[in-house]
């Protein structure tokens, strides 16, 4: 995904002349890497690529990204980084469900009926909610990032049938043993909501440590059941996106993982 300004911007006049002049050095650099650009032009970097994208108008379509990976593979962390860097709308099915129910949309009302009865919301309702959300102006203008969806082949095919096609699918790969270790060691501070890990991100004090709680499903047994189900469904999802999927080693430090994801999106 190329967000650099085109050379054509040097033709702008009037009030935009100063803006164009500020960007002209980057626009005229032939085949320069991001690292080199940042080294020679430290003050030129914007807070988000979305700011650069806004200067291109319709020259480049906004990114449509799906990120997938097993529980505790680091999707949440990388989604925050991707959102900040590319300006995309970060979406999870849980958030979309709650928003649709709160807004009282037709599909939201359908979902509420199932949820009130304690039943699983069927795929056709979920797809309707996703389709409605992706059609909103913010997603159409800046692009979107679907977090952990679709989870099954049926959902992937339903998205395609609804005309929803990603430009890239990112897959974070982490060995099961490491995933189990990440899950089993997770703890939550009930007062602040902050998530800790007994090994990788321990609490700051004994006082905080004493009040930490563990989710009932963050046990090794339940984690392995979830992983088995994930692998069974994910193989079929991968087959639906063979030409779009890129694999990234999710065991590396988060900055390195993010750098690899950026390369996948170039």
C-alpha atoms as a PDB file:
ATOM      1  CA  UNK A   1       0.000   0.000   0.000  1.00  0.00           C
ATOM      2  CA  UNK A   2       1.666   3.158  -1.208  1.00  0.00           C
ATOM      3  CA  UNK A   3       0.751   6.325   0.631  1.00  0.00           C
ATOM      4  CA  UNK A   4       3.540   8.580  -0.659  1.00  0.00           C
ATOM      5  CA  UNK A   5       2.398  11.775  -2.410  1.00  0.00           C
ATOM      6  CA  UNK A   6       2.594  11.687  -6.176  1.00  0.00           C
ATOM      7  CA  UNK A   7       4.802  14.046  -8.125  1.00  0.00           C
ATOM      8  CA  UNK A   8       1.654  15.561  -9.610  1.00  0.00           C
ATOM      9  CA  UNK A   9       1.146  17.455  -6.382  1.00  0.00           C
ATOM     10  CA  UNK A  10       3.805  19.959  -7.477  1.00  0.00           C
ATOM     11  CA  UNK A  11       1.230  21.378  -9.906  1.00  0.00           C
ATOM     12  CA  UNK A  12      -0.936  22.750  -7.074  1.00  0.00           C
ATOM     13  CA  UNK A  13      -1.269  26.543  -6.783  1.00  0.00           C
ATOM     14  CA  UNK A  14      -2.521  29.158  -4.381  1.00  0.00           C
ATOM     15  CA  UNK A  15      -3.099  28.228  -0.738  1.00  0.00           C
ATOM     16  CA  UNK A  16      -1.769  24.722  -1.279  1.00  0.00           C
ATOM     17  CA  UNK A  17       1.624  25.858  -2.560  1.00  0.00           C
ATOM     18  CA  UNK A  18       3.286  25.888   0.868  1.00  0.00           C
ATOM     19  CA  UNK A  19       1.913  22.419   1.671  1.00  0.00           C
ATOM     20  CA  UNK A  20       3.187  21.084  -1.649  1.00  0.00           C
ATOM     21  CA  UNK A  21       6.625  22.600  -1.099  1.00  0.00           C
ATOM     22  CA  UNK A  22       6.877  20.892   2.284  1.00  0.00           C
ATOM     23  CA  UNK A  23       6.230  17.529   0.694  1.00  0.00           C
ATOM     24  CA  UNK A  24       8.178  18.047  -2.543  1.00  0.00           C
ATOM     25  CA  UNK A  25      11.497  16.581  -1.315  1.00  0.00           C
ATOM     26  CA  UNK A  26       9.866  13.275  -0.352  1.00  0.00           C
ATOM     27  CA  UNK A  27       7.825  13.194  -3.542  1.00  0.00           C
ATOM     28  CA  UNK A  28      10.901  13.645  -5.719  1.00  0.00           C
ATOM     29  CA  UNK A  29      13.057  11.006  -4.012  1.00  0.00           C
ATOM     30  CA  UNK A  30      13.397   8.020  -6.381  1.00  0.00           C
ATOM     31  CA  UNK A  31      13.146   4.572  -4.724  1.00  0.00           C
ATOM     32  CA  UNK A  32      14.100   5.659  -1.219  1.00  0.00           C
ATOM     33  CA  UNK A  33      13.313   3.347   1.669  1.00  0.00           C
ATOM     34  CA  UNK A  34      11.208   4.429   4.625  1.00  0.00           C
ATOM     35  CA  UNK A  35      14.186   4.190   6.948  1.00  0.00           C
ATOM     36  CA  UNK A  36      16.274   6.468   4.699  1.00  0.00           C
ATOM     37  CA  UNK A  37      13.435   8.943   4.359  1.00  0.00           C
ATOM     38  CA  UNK A  38      13.021   9.152   8.123  1.00  0.00           C
ATOM     39  CA  UNK A  39      16.764   9.525   8.655  1.00  0.00           C
ATOM     40  CA  UNK A  40      17.182  12.446   6.258  1.00  0.00           C
ATOM     41  CA  UNK A  41      13.840  14.083   6.905  1.00  0.00           C
ATOM     42  CA  UNK A  42      12.996  13.630  10.613  1.00  0.00           C
ATOM     43  CA  UNK A  43      10.553  16.526  10.660  1.00  0.00           C
ATOM     44  CA  UNK A  44       8.589  15.390   7.608  1.00  0.00           C
ATOM     45  CA  UNK A  45       6.970  12.316   9.208  1.00  0.00           C
ATOM     46  CA  UNK A  46       3.272  12.665   9.908  1.00  0.00           C
ATOM     47  CA  UNK A  47       1.507  11.052  12.849  1.00  0.00           C
ATOM     48  CA  UNK A  48      -0.338   8.720  10.520  1.00  0.00           C
ATOM     49  CA  UNK A  49      -0.173   7.580   6.942  1.00  0.00           C
ATOM     50  CA  UNK A  50      -3.808   8.556   6.813  1.00  0.00           C
ATOM     51  CA  UNK A  51      -2.684  12.193   6.716  1.00  0.00           C
ATOM     52  CA  UNK A  52      -0.602  11.472   3.638  1.00  0.00           C
ATOM     53  CA  UNK A  53      -3.393   9.450   2.075  1.00  0.00           C
ATOM     54  CA  UNK A  54      -5.750  12.425   2.391  1.00  0.00           C
ATOM     55  CA  UNK A  55      -3.540  14.428   0.011  1.00  0.00           C
ATOM     56  CA  UNK A  56      -3.912  11.818  -2.728  1.00  0.00           C
ATOM     57  CA  UNK A  57      -7.655  12.042  -3.146  1.00  0.00           C
ATOM     58  CA  UNK A  58      -8.787   9.077  -5.178  1.00  0.00           C
ATOM     59  CA  UNK A  59      -5.307   8.102  -6.347  1.00  0.00           C
ATOM     60  CA  UNK A  60      -5.150   5.154  -3.941  1.00  0.00           C
ATOM     61  CA  UNK A  61      -8.011   3.081  -2.557  1.00  0.00           C
ATOM     62  CA  UNK A  62      -8.142   2.936   1.252  1.00  0.00           C
ATOM     63  CA  UNK A  63      -6.805  -0.292   2.783  1.00  0.00           C
ATOM     64  CA  UNK A  64      -9.183  -3.112   3.629  1.00  0.00           C
ATOM     65  CA  UNK A  65      -7.364  -5.408   6.034  1.00  0.00           C
ATOM     66  CA  UNK A  66      -8.235  -8.626   7.841  1.00  0.00           C
ATOM     67  CA  UNK A  67      -5.932  -9.703  10.659  1.00  0.00           C
ATOM     68  CA  UNK A  68      -6.181 -13.206  12.042  1.00  0.00           C
ATOM     69  CA  UNK A  69      -4.374 -15.363  14.526  1.00  0.00           C
ATOM     70  CA  UNK A  70      -5.037 -17.667  17.439  1.00  0.00           C
ATOM     71  CA  UNK A  71      -6.061 -16.389  20.885  1.00  0.00           C
ATOM     72  CA  UNK A  72      -3.110 -14.546  22.503  1.00  0.00           C
ATOM     73  CA  UNK A  73      -1.236 -14.261  19.197  1.00  0.00           C
ATOM     74  CA  UNK A  74      -0.973 -10.475  19.635  1.00  0.00           C
ATOM     75  CA  UNK A  75      -3.757  -9.287  17.316  1.00  0.00           C
ATOM     76  CA  UNK A  76      -4.978  -6.635  19.740  1.00  0.00           C
ATOM     77  CA  UNK A  77      -1.546  -5.063  20.128  1.00  0.00           C
ATOM     78  CA  UNK A  78      -0.895  -5.021  16.389  1.00  0.00           C
ATOM     79  CA  UNK A  79      -4.366  -3.673  15.622  1.00  0.00           C
ATOM     80  CA  UNK A  80      -3.663  -0.618  17.758  1.00  0.00           C
ATOM     81  CA  UNK A  81      -0.383  -0.012  15.920  1.00  0.00           C
ATOM     82  CA  UNK A  82      -1.983  -0.521  12.501  1.00  0.00           C
ATOM     83  CA  UNK A  83      -4.838   1.815  13.394  1.00  0.00           C
ATOM     84  CA  UNK A  84      -2.419   4.538  14.472  1.00  0.00           C
ATOM     85  CA  UNK A  85      -0.126   4.160  11.468  1.00  0.00           C
ATOM     86  CA  UNK A  86      -2.657   3.778   8.660  1.00  0.00           C
ATOM     87  CA  UNK A  87      -5.682   5.572  10.085  1.00  0.00           C
ATOM     88  CA  UNK A  88      -8.006   2.629   9.402  1.00  0.00           C
ATOM     89  CA  UNK A  89     -11.150   1.907  11.401  1.00  0.00           C
ATOM     90  CA  UNK A  90     -10.475  -0.967  13.815  1.00  0.00           C
ATOM     91  CA  UNK A  91     -13.474  -3.280  14.031  1.00  0.00           C
ATOM     92  CA  UNK A  92     -14.273  -6.389  16.064  1.00  0.00           C
ATOM     93  CA  UNK A  93     -17.520  -8.324  15.760  1.00  0.00           C
ATOM     94  CA  UNK A  94     -18.220  -7.869  19.470  1.00  0.00           C
ATOM     95  CA  UNK A  95     -17.963  -4.083  19.242  1.00  0.00           C
ATOM     96  CA  UNK A  96     -20.053  -4.012  16.060  1.00  0.00           C
ATOM     97  CA  UNK A  97     -22.745  -6.189  17.638  1.00  0.00           C
ATOM     98  CA  UNK A  98     -23.021  -3.977  20.695  1.00  0.00           C
ATOM     99  CA  UNK A  99     -23.091  -0.806  18.583  1.00  0.00           C
ATOM    100  CA  UNK A 100     -25.787  -2.178  16.248  1.00  0.00           C
ATOM    101  CA  UNK A 101     -27.950  -3.264  19.198  1.00  0.00           C
ATOM    102  CA  UNK A 102     -27.522   0.128  20.885  1.00  0.00           C
ATOM    103  CA  UNK A 103     -28.366   1.969  17.657  1.00  0.00           C
ATOM    104  CA  UNK A 104     -31.463  -0.173  17.132  1.00  0.00           C
ATOM    105  CA  UNK A 105     -30.678  -0.993  13.502  1.00  0.00           C
ATOM    106  CA  UNK A 106     -32.745  -3.759  11.845  1.00  0.00           C
ATOM    107  CA  UNK A 107     -29.919  -6.290  12.088  1.00  0.00           C
ATOM    108  CA  UNK A 108     -29.131  -4.997  15.566  1.00  0.00           C
ATOM    109  CA  UNK A 109     -32.693  -5.795  16.631  1.00  0.00           C
ATOM    110  CA  UNK A 110     -32.320  -9.287  15.175  1.00  0.00           C
ATOM    111  CA  UNK A 111     -29.076  -9.790  17.072  1.00  0.00           C
ATOM    112  CA  UNK A 112     -30.633  -8.513  20.299  1.00  0.00           C
ATOM    113  CA  UNK A 113     -33.332 -11.153  20.098  1.00  0.00           C
ATOM    114  CA  UNK A 114     -30.780 -13.952  19.984  1.00  0.00           C
ATOM    115  CA  UNK A 115     -28.625 -12.377  22.680  1.00  0.00           C
ATOM    116  CA  UNK A 116     -31.592 -11.855  25.034  1.00  0.00           C
ATOM    117  CA  UNK A 117     -32.452 -15.536  24.679  1.00  0.00           C
ATOM    118  CA  UNK A 118     -28.854 -16.502  25.413  1.00  0.00           C
ATOM    119  CA  UNK A 119     -28.398 -17.938  21.926  1.00  0.00           C
ATOM    120  CA  UNK A 120     -25.480 -17.554  19.536  1.00  0.00           C
ATOM    121  CA  UNK A 121     -26.031 -14.891  16.893  1.00  0.00           C
ATOM    122  CA  UNK A 122     -26.131 -16.714  13.516  1.00  0.00           C
ATOM    123  CA  UNK A 123     -23.683 -15.937  10.736  1.00  0.00           C
ATOM    124  CA  UNK A 124     -26.235 -14.254   8.467  1.00  0.00           C
ATOM    125  CA  UNK A 125     -27.011 -11.677  11.156  1.00  0.00           C
ATOM    126  CA  UNK A 126     -23.314 -11.147  11.915  1.00  0.00           C
ATOM    127  CA  UNK A 127     -22.577 -10.644   8.218  1.00  0.00           C
ATOM    128  CA  UNK A 128     -25.428  -8.129   7.990  1.00  0.00           C
ATOM    129  CA  UNK A 129     -23.982  -6.148  10.877  1.00  0.00           C
ATOM    130  CA  UNK A 130     -20.478  -6.242   9.370  1.00  0.00           C
ATOM    131  CA  UNK A 131     -21.772  -5.205   5.940  1.00  0.00           C
ATOM    132  CA  UNK A 132     -23.721  -2.270   7.393  1.00  0.00           C
ATOM    133  CA  UNK A 133     -20.727  -1.084   9.411  1.00  0.00           C
ATOM    134  CA  UNK A 134     -18.269  -1.290   6.510  1.00  0.00           C
ATOM    135  CA  UNK A 135     -20.658   0.758   4.379  1.00  0.00           C
ATOM    136  CA  UNK A 136     -20.456   3.714   6.759  1.00  0.00           C
ATOM    137  CA  UNK A 137     -18.544   6.781   5.616  1.00  0.00           C
ATOM    138  CA  UNK A 138     -15.531   6.432   7.910  1.00  0.00           C
ATOM    139  CA  UNK A 139     -14.774   2.922   6.649  1.00  0.00           C
ATOM    140  CA  UNK A 140     -15.268   3.904   3.021  1.00  0.00           C
ATOM    141  CA  UNK A 141     -13.043   6.969   3.317  1.00  0.00           C
ATOM    142  CA  UNK A 142     -10.168   5.735   5.481  1.00  0.00           C
ATOM    143  CA  UNK A 143     -10.374   1.946   5.144  1.00  0.00           C
ATOM    144  CA  UNK A 144     -10.983  -0.751   7.727  1.00  0.00           C
ATOM    145  CA  UNK A 145      -9.270  -3.415   9.816  1.00  0.00           C
ATOM    146  CA  UNK A 146     -11.335  -6.483  10.681  1.00  0.00           C
ATOM    147  CA  UNK A 147      -9.983  -8.025  13.874  1.00  0.00           C
ATOM    148  CA  UNK A 148     -10.228 -11.836  13.968  1.00  0.00           C
ATOM    149  CA  UNK A 149     -13.083 -12.121  11.488  1.00  0.00           C
ATOM    150  CA  UNK A 150     -14.000 -14.203   9.547  1.00  0.00           C
ATOM    151  CA  UNK A 151     -13.342 -17.182  11.812  1.00  0.00           C
ATOM    152  CA  UNK A 152     -14.855 -19.893   9.622  1.00  0.00           C
ATOM    153  CA  UNK A 153     -15.062 -20.812   5.950  1.00  0.00           C
ATOM    154  CA  UNK A 154     -18.801 -20.113   5.968  1.00  0.00           C
ATOM    155  CA  UNK A 155     -18.196 -16.589   7.262  1.00  0.00           C
ATOM    156  CA  UNK A 156     -15.454 -15.960   4.684  1.00  0.00           C
ATOM    157  CA  UNK A 157     -17.718 -17.090   1.853  1.00  0.00           C
ATOM    158  CA  UNK A 158     -20.595 -15.025   3.224  1.00  0.00           C
ATOM    159  CA  UNK A 159     -18.373 -11.923   3.255  1.00  0.00           C
ATOM    160  CA  UNK A 160     -17.421 -12.564  -0.374  1.00  0.00           C
ATOM    161  CA  UNK A 161     -21.074 -13.043  -1.324  1.00  0.00           C
ATOM    162  CA  UNK A 162     -21.852  -9.706   0.338  1.00  0.00           C
ATOM    163  CA  UNK A 163     -19.209  -8.028  -1.817  1.00  0.00           C
ATOM    164  CA  UNK A 164     -16.730  -7.539   1.030  1.00  0.00           C
ATOM    165  CA  UNK A 165     -13.211  -8.274  -0.184  1.00  0.00           C
ATOM    166  CA  UNK A 166     -10.015  -7.358   1.697  1.00  0.00           C
ATOM    167  CA  UNK A 167      -6.956  -5.939   0.007  1.00  0.00           C
ATOM    168  CA  UNK A 168      -4.739  -7.910   2.407  1.00  0.00           C
ATOM    169  CA  UNK A 169      -5.054 -10.665   5.002  1.00  0.00           C
ATOM    170  CA  UNK A 170      -2.451 -10.718   7.782  1.00  0.00           C
ATOM    171  CA  UNK A 171      -1.869 -13.913   9.753  1.00  0.00           C
ATOM    172  CA  UNK A 172       0.107 -13.872  13.013  1.00  0.00           C
ATOM    173  CA  UNK A 173       1.726 -17.265  13.584  1.00  0.00           C
ATOM    174  CA  UNK A 174       2.662 -18.350  17.108  1.00  0.00           C
ATOM    175  CA  UNK A 175       3.356 -21.954  18.256  1.00  0.00           C
ATOM    176  CA  UNK A 176       0.638 -23.479  20.420  1.00  0.00           C
ATOM    177  CA  UNK A 177       2.933 -23.990  23.423  1.00  0.00           C
ATOM    178  CA  UNK A 178       3.775 -20.305  23.496  1.00  0.00           C
ATOM    179  CA  UNK A 179       0.108 -19.380  23.115  1.00  0.00           C
ATOM    180  CA  UNK A 180      -0.803 -21.586  26.078  1.00  0.00           C
ATOM    181  CA  UNK A 181       1.916 -19.935  28.156  1.00  0.00           C
ATOM    182  CA  UNK A 182       0.621 -16.484  27.215  1.00  0.00           C
ATOM    183  CA  UNK A 183      -2.978 -17.358  28.047  1.00  0.00           C
ATOM    184  CA  UNK A 184      -2.416 -19.215  31.310  1.00  0.00           C
ATOM    185  CA  UNK A 185      -0.254 -16.405  32.711  1.00  0.00           C
ATOM    186  CA  UNK A 186      -2.739 -13.619  31.966  1.00  0.00           C
ATOM    187  CA  UNK A 187      -4.214 -11.708  34.874  1.00  0.00           C
ATOM    188  CA  UNK A 188      -6.546  -8.693  35.094  1.00  0.00           C
ATOM    189  CA  UNK A 189      -6.677  -5.883  37.622  1.00  0.00           C
ATOM    190  CA  UNK A 190     -10.396  -5.585  38.496  1.00  0.00           C
ATOM    191  CA  UNK A 191      -9.954  -1.982  39.609  1.00  0.00           C
ATOM    192  CA  UNK A 192      -8.230  -0.602  36.509  1.00  0.00           C
ATOM    193  CA  UNK A 193      -9.003  -3.208  33.867  1.00  0.00           C
ATOM    194  CA  UNK A 194      -5.300  -3.414  33.007  1.00  0.00           C
ATOM    195  CA  UNK A 195      -4.069  -6.798  31.802  1.00  0.00           C
ATOM    196  CA  UNK A 196      -0.843  -8.252  33.181  1.00  0.00           C
ATOM    197  CA  UNK A 197       1.151 -11.422  32.629  1.00  0.00           C
ATOM    198  CA  UNK A 198       2.843 -13.162  35.503  1.00  0.00           C
ATOM    199  CA  UNK A 199       5.989 -13.758  33.426  1.00  0.00           C
ATOM    200  CA  UNK A 200       6.076 -11.246  30.574  1.00  0.00           C
ATOM    201  CA  UNK A 201       4.376  -8.213  32.175  1.00  0.00           C
ATOM    202  CA  UNK A 202       4.206  -8.655  35.955  1.00  0.00           C
ATOM    203  CA  UNK A 203       2.341  -6.193  38.214  1.00  0.00           C
ATOM    204  CA  UNK A 204       4.184  -3.152  39.564  1.00  0.00           C
ATOM    205  CA  UNK A 205       3.640  -3.947  43.241  1.00  0.00           C
ATOM    206  CA  UNK A 206       2.558  -6.629  45.681  1.00  0.00           C
ATOM    207  CA  UNK A 207      -0.597  -4.634  46.311  1.00  0.00           C
ATOM    208  CA  UNK A 208      -1.627  -4.875  42.666  1.00  0.00           C
ATOM    209  CA  UNK A 209      -0.547  -8.519  42.484  1.00  0.00           C
ATOM    210  CA  UNK A 210      -2.781  -9.414  45.419  1.00  0.00           C
ATOM    211  CA  UNK A 211      -5.956  -8.237  43.687  1.00  0.00           C
ATOM    212  CA  UNK A 212      -5.336  -9.682  40.205  1.00  0.00           C
ATOM    213  CA  UNK A 213      -7.884 -12.131  38.851  1.00  0.00           C
ATOM    214  CA  UNK A 214      -7.784 -14.814  36.175  1.00  0.00           C
ATOM    215  CA  UNK A 215     -10.498 -15.396  33.589  1.00  0.00           C
ATOM    216  CA  UNK A 216     -12.294 -18.682  34.085  1.00  0.00           C
ATOM    217  CA  UNK A 217     -11.440 -19.815  30.553  1.00  0.00           C
ATOM    218  CA  UNK A 218      -7.747 -18.888  30.785  1.00  0.00           C
ATOM    219  CA  UNK A 219      -6.770 -22.405  31.831  1.00  0.00           C
ATOM    220  CA  UNK A 220      -4.519 -24.720  29.864  1.00  0.00           C
ATOM    221  CA  UNK A 221      -7.297 -27.224  29.214  1.00  0.00           C
ATOM    222  CA  UNK A 222      -9.757 -24.668  27.867  1.00  0.00           C
ATOM    223  CA  UNK A 223      -7.043 -22.874  25.924  1.00  0.00           C
ATOM    224  CA  UNK A 224      -6.094 -26.060  24.079  1.00  0.00           C
ATOM    225  CA  UNK A 225      -9.743 -26.671  23.200  1.00  0.00           C
ATOM    226  CA  UNK A 226      -9.984 -23.169  21.729  1.00  0.00           C
ATOM    227  CA  UNK A 227      -6.750 -23.652  19.804  1.00  0.00           C
ATOM    228  CA  UNK A 228      -7.942 -26.924  18.320  1.00  0.00           C
ATOM    229  CA  UNK A 229     -11.139 -25.281  17.107  1.00  0.00           C
ATOM    230  CA  UNK A 230      -9.175 -22.317  15.756  1.00  0.00           C
ATOM    231  CA  UNK A 231      -6.832 -24.496  13.690  1.00  0.00           C
ATOM    232  CA  UNK A 232      -9.692 -26.600  12.311  1.00  0.00           C
ATOM    233  CA  UNK A 233     -11.563 -23.544  11.036  1.00  0.00           C
ATOM    234  CA  UNK A 234      -8.568 -21.429  10.070  1.00  0.00           C
ATOM    235  CA  UNK A 235      -7.276 -23.885   7.493  1.00  0.00           C
ATOM    236  CA  UNK A 236     -10.487 -23.401   5.513  1.00  0.00           C
ATOM    237  CA  UNK A 237     -10.363 -19.614   5.931  1.00  0.00           C
ATOM    238  CA  UNK A 238      -6.799 -19.583   4.582  1.00  0.00           C
ATOM    239  CA  UNK A 239      -7.953 -21.395   1.450  1.00  0.00           C
ATOM    240  CA  UNK A 240     -10.468 -18.607   0.800  1.00  0.00           C
ATOM    241  CA  UNK A 241      -7.713 -15.943   0.821  1.00  0.00           C
ATOM    242  CA  UNK A 242      -4.784 -17.798  -0.729  1.00  0.00           C
ATOM    243  CA  UNK A 243      -3.813 -14.938  -3.028  1.00  0.00           C
ATOM    244  CA  UNK A 244      -4.141 -12.259  -0.333  1.00  0.00           C
ATOM    245  CA  UNK A 245      -2.716 -13.809   2.828  1.00  0.00           C
ATOM    246  CA  UNK A 246       0.702 -13.025   4.320  1.00  0.00           C
ATOM    247  CA  UNK A 247       2.219 -14.847   7.271  1.00  0.00           C
ATOM    248  CA  UNK A 248       4.173 -13.133  10.038  1.00  0.00           C
ATOM    249  CA  UNK A 249       6.130 -14.599  12.947  1.00  0.00           C
ATOM    250  CA  UNK A 250       4.229 -13.424  16.005  1.00  0.00           C
ATOM    251  CA  UNK A 251       6.852 -14.624  18.481  1.00  0.00           C
ATOM    252  CA  UNK A 252       9.111 -11.622  17.911  1.00  0.00           C
ATOM    253  CA  UNK A 253       8.953  -8.370  19.928  1.00  0.00           C
ATOM    254  CA  UNK A 254       5.920  -6.293  18.984  1.00  0.00           C
ATOM    255  CA  UNK A 255       7.972  -3.629  17.167  1.00  0.00           C
ATOM    256  CA  UNK A 256       9.559  -6.263  14.945  1.00  0.00           C
ATOM    257  CA  UNK A 257       6.213  -7.905  14.282  1.00  0.00           C
ATOM    258  CA  UNK A 258       4.749  -4.537  13.308  1.00  0.00           C
ATOM    259  CA  UNK A 259       7.654  -3.827  10.959  1.00  0.00           C
ATOM    260  CA  UNK A 260       7.000  -7.146   9.218  1.00  0.00           C
ATOM    261  CA  UNK A 261       3.298  -6.367   8.906  1.00  0.00           C
ATOM    262  CA  UNK A 262       4.149  -3.025   7.310  1.00  0.00           C
ATOM    263  CA  UNK A 263       6.243  -4.830   4.713  1.00  0.00           C
ATOM    264  CA  UNK A 264       3.280  -7.097   3.963  1.00  0.00           C
ATOM    265  CA  UNK A 265       1.128  -4.029   3.332  1.00  0.00           C
ATOM    266  CA  UNK A 266       3.541  -2.285   0.965  1.00  0.00           C
END
